[in-house]
Amino acid sequence: MKTMKINLKVLLILILLVNFNQKSFSEAEKKDATVTINVVSNDSAFVVNAVFTDAKTKAPIKDVEVTLFIKRMYGDIKIGNGKTDETGTLSAVFSGKMPGSDTLGNIFVIAKVEDDDAVNDINFKTAVKAKTIFPAHTPIQPSMISSSAPGWLKMTFWSIVLGVWGLFAYVTYLIFLISRDKSKAH
C-alpha cells in the first residue's frame, strides 16, 4: 500500500513536469513578427497589403491568421481576414469613399493577430489620407451614418415610442375600468 502511494506521487510529479515542459515548448515556438502595411490608392478603392516578417531573420512568415480593420468612432470595421501567403502578405480592399476617422482626414488601418500558433499577438496601426474629407465647420447632410438622422428615421422612431407608451396607457386605463366595475359590484 505504501509503495502504491509513492508510485502515485511519482506519477503525479511526472505528469506535472511533462505538462509544464509542453507549455514551455509551445510558447518557445512562437515568433515575434514585424508588420508592414502598405496602402495603395486606385480610382475607387484602397488596396491594403499587410506583410509579416520574422523579427529576427526578416524572412516572410506564411500561414499567419490576420484580420484587417478600419478604425471608426463606434468600433472597428472589418475589411478582410485570412492567412498570409508564401510572401507573408495578406491583401484587402475597401471603398475610396470612406471618410476620415479624425479631424485631419486620416483613415486608420489596423492589422491584428490573436491566438495564432506561429506568431505572438500583434496589433499594428497605420494612417492613410482619406479621399473624402469633410471640411471643418461645414454641416453634414443627414444620413444613416451622420450626426443627425434623416426625417423619416426620426418619425419612425417616435411613432414606435409613442405607440408603445400609448399601449401602456390604454392597458392601465382598462385595468382602472375593471377595478372600478369590481368595486361597484360589491
C-alpha atoms as a PDB file:
ATOM      1  CA  MET A   1       0.000   0.000   0.000  1.00  0.00           C
ATOM      2  CA  LYS A   2       2.868   2.340   0.886  1.00  0.00           C
ATOM      3  CA  THR A   3       4.637   1.677  -2.428  1.00  0.00           C
ATOM      4  CA  MET A   4       1.396   2.408  -4.274  1.00  0.00           C
ATOM      5  CA  LYS A   5       1.164   5.855  -2.629  1.00  0.00           C
ATOM      6  CA  ILE A   6       4.789   6.566  -3.542  1.00  0.00           C
ATOM      7  CA  ASN A   7       4.168   5.406  -7.126  1.00  0.00           C
ATOM      8  CA  LEU A   8       1.102   7.676  -7.394  1.00  0.00           C
ATOM      9  CA  LYS A   9       3.121  10.654  -6.109  1.00  0.00           C
ATOM     10  CA  VAL A  10       5.919   9.958  -8.592  1.00  0.00           C
ATOM     11  CA  LEU A  11       3.386   9.578 -11.406  1.00  0.00           C
ATOM     12  CA  LEU A  12       1.711  12.875 -10.459  1.00  0.00           C
ATOM     13  CA  ILE A  13       5.062  14.680 -10.413  1.00  0.00           C
ATOM     14  CA  LEU A  14       5.952  13.241 -13.825  1.00  0.00           C
ATOM     15  CA  ILE A  15       2.597  14.326 -15.297  1.00  0.00           C
ATOM     16  CA  LEU A  16       3.065  17.849 -13.957  1.00  0.00           C
ATOM     17  CA  LEU A  17       6.605  18.048 -15.358  1.00  0.00           C
ATOM     18  CA  VAL A  18       5.532  16.812 -18.785  1.00  0.00           C
ATOM     19  CA  ASN A  19       2.647  19.334 -18.924  1.00  0.00           C
ATOM     20  CA  PHE A  20       4.958  22.157 -17.809  1.00  0.00           C
ATOM     21  CA  ASN A  21       7.520  21.260 -20.476  1.00  0.00           C
ATOM     22  CA  GLN A  22       4.874  21.061 -23.204  1.00  0.00           C
ATOM     23  CA  LYS A  23       3.662  24.571 -22.378  1.00  0.00           C
ATOM     24  CA  SER A  24       7.163  25.982 -22.396  1.00  0.00           C
ATOM     25  CA  PHE A  25       7.948  24.312 -25.757  1.00  0.00           C
ATOM     26  CA  SER A  26       4.765  25.628 -27.383  1.00  0.00           C
ATOM     27  CA  GLU A  27       5.494  29.168 -26.142  1.00  0.00           C
ATOM     28  CA  ALA A  28       9.080  28.952 -27.405  1.00  0.00           C
ATOM     29  CA  GLU A  29       7.885  28.016 -30.908  1.00  0.00           C
ATOM     30  CA  LYS A  30       6.030  31.313 -31.380  1.00  0.00           C
ATOM     31  CA  LYS A  31       7.951  34.013 -33.202  1.00  0.00           C
ATOM     32  CA  ASP A  32       7.993  37.762 -32.885  1.00  0.00           C
ATOM     33  CA  ALA A  33       6.878  39.313 -36.156  1.00  0.00           C
ATOM     34  CA  THR A  34       7.138  42.731 -37.726  1.00  0.00           C
ATOM     35  CA  VAL A  35       4.282  44.123 -39.782  1.00  0.00           C
ATOM     36  CA  THR A  36       4.418  46.495 -42.705  1.00  0.00           C
ATOM     37  CA  ILE A  37       1.138  47.877 -44.010  1.00  0.00           C
ATOM     38  CA  ASN A  38       1.155  49.383 -47.499  1.00  0.00           C
ATOM     39  CA  VAL A  39      -1.991  51.135 -48.692  1.00  0.00           C
ATOM     40  CA  VAL A  40      -2.272  51.833 -52.410  1.00  0.00           C
ATOM     41  CA  SER A  41      -4.980  54.108 -53.769  1.00  0.00           C
ATOM     42  CA  ASN A  42      -6.589  53.458 -57.140  1.00  0.00           C
ATOM     43  CA  ASP A  43      -9.604  55.153 -58.760  1.00  0.00           C
ATOM     44  CA  SER A  44     -12.389  53.991 -56.455  1.00  0.00           C
ATOM     45  CA  ALA A  45     -10.749  51.958 -53.695  1.00  0.00           C
ATOM     46  CA  PHE A  46      -7.833  51.490 -51.360  1.00  0.00           C
ATOM     47  CA  VAL A  47      -5.827  48.246 -51.530  1.00  0.00           C
ATOM     48  CA  VAL A  48      -4.225  47.216 -48.228  1.00  0.00           C
ATOM     49  CA  ASN A  49      -1.237  44.860 -48.184  1.00  0.00           C
ATOM     50  CA  ALA A  50      -0.073  43.665 -44.754  1.00  0.00           C
ATOM     51  CA  VAL A  51       3.333  41.960 -44.892  1.00  0.00           C
ATOM     52  CA  PHE A  52       4.512  39.815 -41.963  1.00  0.00           C
ATOM     53  CA  THR A  53       8.202  39.022 -41.477  1.00  0.00           C
ATOM     54  CA  ASP A  54      10.170  37.303 -38.749  1.00  0.00           C
ATOM     55  CA  ALA A  55      11.622  39.953 -36.420  1.00  0.00           C
ATOM     56  CA  LYS A  56      14.986  38.141 -36.184  1.00  0.00           C
ATOM     57  CA  THR A  57      15.571  36.649 -39.642  1.00  0.00           C
ATOM     58  CA  LYS A  58      13.459  39.119 -41.702  1.00  0.00           C
ATOM     59  CA  ALA A  59      12.034  36.111 -43.605  1.00  0.00           C
ATOM     60  CA  PRO A  60       8.343  36.196 -44.618  1.00  0.00           C
ATOM     61  CA  ILE A  61       6.006  34.273 -42.305  1.00  0.00           C
ATOM     62  CA  LYS A  62       3.474  32.033 -44.051  1.00  0.00           C
ATOM     63  CA  ASP A  63       0.011  30.975 -42.733  1.00  0.00           C
ATOM     64  CA  VAL A  64      -0.453  33.690 -40.091  1.00  0.00           C
ATOM     65  CA  GLU A  65      -4.163  34.244 -39.318  1.00  0.00           C
ATOM     66  CA  VAL A  66      -4.649  38.029 -39.728  1.00  0.00           C
ATOM     67  CA  THR A  67      -7.683  40.324 -39.507  1.00  0.00           C
ATOM     68  CA  LEU A  68      -7.628  43.797 -41.071  1.00  0.00           C
ATOM     69  CA  PHE A  69      -9.803  46.620 -39.705  1.00  0.00           C
ATOM     70  CA  ILE A  70     -10.530  50.287 -40.240  1.00  0.00           C
ATOM     71  CA  LYS A  71     -10.857  52.275 -37.016  1.00  0.00           C
ATOM     72  CA  ARG A  72     -14.134  54.163 -36.709  1.00  0.00           C
ATOM     73  CA  MET A  73     -15.668  56.204 -33.904  1.00  0.00           C
ATOM     74  CA  TYR A  74     -18.013  53.492 -32.575  1.00  0.00           C
ATOM     75  CA  GLY A  75     -15.947  50.416 -33.387  1.00  0.00           C
ATOM     76  CA  ASP A  76     -13.651  48.856 -35.943  1.00  0.00           C
ATOM     77  CA  ILE A  77     -14.918  47.843 -39.386  1.00  0.00           C
ATOM     78  CA  LYS A  78     -13.536  44.517 -40.594  1.00  0.00           C
ATOM     79  CA  ILE A  79     -12.247  44.827 -44.166  1.00  0.00           C
ATOM     80  CA  GLY A  80     -10.592  41.435 -44.530  1.00  0.00           C
ATOM     81  CA  ASN A  81      -9.180  38.359 -42.856  1.00  0.00           C
ATOM     82  CA  GLY A  82      -7.314  35.232 -43.813  1.00  0.00           C
ATOM     83  CA  LYS A  83      -3.910  33.609 -43.773  1.00  0.00           C
ATOM     84  CA  THR A  84      -0.758  35.119 -45.209  1.00  0.00           C
ATOM     85  CA  ASP A  85       0.650  33.641 -48.418  1.00  0.00           C
ATOM     86  CA  GLU A  86       4.209  32.433 -49.153  1.00  0.00           C
ATOM     87  CA  THR A  87       5.454  36.044 -49.224  1.00  0.00           C
ATOM     88  CA  GLY A  88       3.882  36.758 -45.816  1.00  0.00           C
ATOM     89  CA  THR A  89       1.261  39.037 -47.392  1.00  0.00           C
ATOM     90  CA  LEU A  90      -2.473  39.424 -46.831  1.00  0.00           C
ATOM     91  CA  SER A  91      -4.436  41.852 -49.015  1.00  0.00           C
ATOM     92  CA  ALA A  92      -7.805  43.538 -48.642  1.00  0.00           C
ATOM     93  CA  VAL A  93      -9.765  46.250 -50.445  1.00  0.00           C
ATOM     94  CA  PHE A  94     -12.055  48.979 -49.073  1.00  0.00           C
ATOM     95  CA  SER A  95     -14.006  51.826 -50.651  1.00  0.00           C
ATOM     96  CA  GLY A  96     -12.311  55.070 -51.558  1.00  0.00           C
ATOM     97  CA  LYS A  97     -15.460  56.900 -50.417  1.00  0.00           C
ATOM     98  CA  MET A  98     -14.704  56.050 -46.769  1.00  0.00           C
ATOM     99  CA  PRO A  99     -14.414  59.355 -44.864  1.00  0.00           C
ATOM    100  CA  GLY A 100     -11.530  60.029 -42.497  1.00  0.00           C
ATOM    101  CA  SER A 101     -11.629  58.915 -38.868  1.00  0.00           C
ATOM    102  CA  ASP A 102     -10.243  62.109 -37.365  1.00  0.00           C
ATOM    103  CA  THR A 103     -10.333  65.857 -37.990  1.00  0.00           C
ATOM    104  CA  LEU A 104      -7.268  65.662 -40.249  1.00  0.00           C
ATOM    105  CA  GLY A 105      -8.973  63.231 -42.630  1.00  0.00           C
ATOM    106  CA  ASN A 106      -6.904  60.169 -41.731  1.00  0.00           C
ATOM    107  CA  ILE A 107      -8.146  56.613 -42.060  1.00  0.00           C
ATOM    108  CA  PHE A 108      -6.506  54.236 -39.584  1.00  0.00           C
ATOM    109  CA  VAL A 109      -5.869  50.717 -40.908  1.00  0.00           C
ATOM    110  CA  ILE A 110      -5.250  48.058 -38.246  1.00  0.00           C
ATOM    111  CA  ALA A 111      -3.734  44.580 -38.627  1.00  0.00           C
ATOM    112  CA  LYS A 112      -4.485  42.208 -35.717  1.00  0.00           C
ATOM    113  CA  VAL A 113      -3.124  38.769 -34.966  1.00  0.00           C
ATOM    114  CA  GLU A 114      -4.661  36.992 -31.981  1.00  0.00           C
ATOM    115  CA  ASP A 115      -4.124  33.429 -30.751  1.00  0.00           C
ATOM    116  CA  ASP A 116      -2.017  32.355 -33.720  1.00  0.00           C
ATOM    117  CA  ASP A 117       0.174  29.245 -33.448  1.00  0.00           C
ATOM    118  CA  ALA A 118       3.095  30.726 -35.394  1.00  0.00           C
ATOM    119  CA  VAL A 119       3.499  34.277 -34.038  1.00  0.00           C
ATOM    120  CA  ASN A 120       2.802  36.252 -30.880  1.00  0.00           C
ATOM    121  CA  ASP A 121      -0.219  38.572 -30.741  1.00  0.00           C
ATOM    122  CA  ILE A 122       0.171  41.774 -32.768  1.00  0.00           C
ATOM    123  CA  ASN A 123      -1.912  44.929 -33.076  1.00  0.00           C
ATOM    124  CA  PHE A 124      -0.384  47.292 -35.664  1.00  0.00           C
ATOM    125  CA  LYS A 125      -1.937  50.552 -36.889  1.00  0.00           C
ATOM    126  CA  THR A 126      -1.072  52.953 -39.707  1.00  0.00           C
ATOM    127  CA  ALA A 127      -2.725  56.108 -41.066  1.00  0.00           C
ATOM    128  CA  VAL A 128      -3.786  56.877 -44.655  1.00  0.00           C
ATOM    129  CA  LYS A 129      -5.181  60.139 -46.024  1.00  0.00           C
ATOM    130  CA  ALA A 130      -8.852  59.775 -46.970  1.00  0.00           C
ATOM    131  CA  LYS A 131     -10.096  60.761 -50.412  1.00  0.00           C
ATOM    132  CA  THR A 132     -13.321  62.119 -48.920  1.00  0.00           C
ATOM    133  CA  ILE A 133     -12.663  64.870 -46.397  1.00  0.00           C
ATOM    134  CA  PHE A 134     -15.364  66.827 -44.616  1.00  0.00           C
ATOM    135  CA  PRO A 135     -14.342  70.488 -44.329  1.00  0.00           C
ATOM    136  CA  ALA A 136     -14.324  71.871 -40.797  1.00  0.00           C
ATOM    137  CA  HIS A 137     -17.465  73.697 -39.616  1.00  0.00           C
ATOM    138  CA  THR A 138     -19.486  72.515 -42.611  1.00  0.00           C
ATOM    139  CA  PRO A 139     -22.828  70.850 -41.861  1.00  0.00           C
ATOM    140  CA  ILE A 140     -23.105  67.243 -42.977  1.00  0.00           C
ATOM    141  CA  GLN A 141     -26.244  66.164 -44.810  1.00  0.00           C
ATOM    142  CA  PRO A 142     -28.450  63.895 -42.653  1.00  0.00           C
ATOM    143  CA  SER A 143     -27.842  60.217 -43.381  1.00  0.00           C
ATOM    144  CA  MET A 144     -27.650  56.889 -41.588  1.00  0.00           C
ATOM    145  CA  ILE A 145     -24.015  57.492 -40.504  1.00  0.00           C
ATOM    146  CA  SER A 146     -24.134  61.220 -39.784  1.00  0.00           C
ATOM    147  CA  SER A 147     -24.625  63.020 -36.502  1.00  0.00           C
ATOM    148  CA  SER A 148     -28.303  63.775 -37.232  1.00  0.00           C
ATOM    149  CA  ALA A 149     -30.701  61.209 -38.622  1.00  0.00           C
ATOM    150  CA  PRO A 150     -32.961  61.795 -41.638  1.00  0.00           C
ATOM    151  CA  GLY A 151     -36.562  62.862 -41.018  1.00  0.00           C
ATOM    152  CA  TRP A 152     -38.175  59.539 -41.975  1.00  0.00           C
ATOM    153  CA  LEU A 153     -35.975  57.724 -39.447  1.00  0.00           C
ATOM    154  CA  LYS A 154     -36.891  60.185 -36.681  1.00  0.00           C
ATOM    155  CA  MET A 155     -40.602  59.806 -37.492  1.00  0.00           C
ATOM    156  CA  THR A 156     -40.353  56.007 -37.426  1.00  0.00           C
ATOM    157  CA  PHE A 157     -38.560  56.048 -34.080  1.00  0.00           C
ATOM    158  CA  TRP A 158     -41.012  58.435 -32.420  1.00  0.00           C
ATOM    159  CA  SER A 159     -44.021  56.562 -33.859  1.00  0.00           C
ATOM    160  CA  ILE A 160     -42.786  53.339 -32.278  1.00  0.00           C
ATOM    161  CA  VAL A 161     -42.049  55.021 -28.925  1.00  0.00           C
ATOM    162  CA  LEU A 162     -45.440  56.739 -28.834  1.00  0.00           C
ATOM    163  CA  GLY A 163     -47.187  53.507 -29.877  1.00  0.00           C
ATOM    164  CA  VAL A 164     -45.589  51.522 -27.049  1.00  0.00           C
ATOM    165  CA  TRP A 165     -46.344  54.176 -24.408  1.00  0.00           C
ATOM    166  CA  GLY A 166     -49.866  54.578 -25.790  1.00  0.00           C
ATOM    167  CA  LEU A 167     -50.395  50.836 -25.365  1.00  0.00           C
ATOM    168  CA  PHE A 168     -49.173  51.060 -21.750  1.00  0.00           C
ATOM    169  CA  ALA A 169     -51.588  53.945 -21.113  1.00  0.00           C
ATOM    170  CA  TYR A 170     -54.507  52.031 -22.694  1.00  0.00           C
ATOM    171  CA  VAL A 171     -53.829  48.884 -20.638  1.00  0.00           C
ATOM    172  CA  THR A 172     -53.600  50.999 -17.472  1.00  0.00           C
ATOM    173  CA  TYR A 173     -56.941  52.635 -18.343  1.00  0.00           C
ATOM    174  CA  LEU A 174     -58.564  49.207 -18.871  1.00  0.00           C
ATOM    175  CA  ILE A 175     -57.245  47.984 -15.516  1.00  0.00           C
ATOM    176  CA  PHE A 176     -58.690  51.102 -13.897  1.00  0.00           C
ATOM    177  CA  LEU A 177     -62.112  50.417 -15.515  1.00  0.00           C
ATOM    178  CA  ILE A 178     -62.067  46.784 -14.370  1.00  0.00           C
ATOM    179  CA  SER A 179     -61.194  47.706 -10.798  1.00  0.00           C
ATOM    180  CA  ARG A 180     -63.923  50.444 -10.757  1.00  0.00           C
ATOM    181  CA  ASP A 181     -66.565  47.984 -12.042  1.00  0.00           C
ATOM    182  CA  LYS A 182     -65.440  45.435  -9.476  1.00  0.00           C
ATOM    183  CA  SER A 183     -65.895  47.918  -6.636  1.00  0.00           C
ATOM    184  CA  LYS A 184     -69.433  48.883  -7.870  1.00  0.00           C
ATOM    185  CA  ALA A 185     -70.485  45.217  -7.892  1.00  0.00           C
ATOM    186  CA  HIS A 186     -69.690  44.850  -4.175  1.00  0.00           C
END
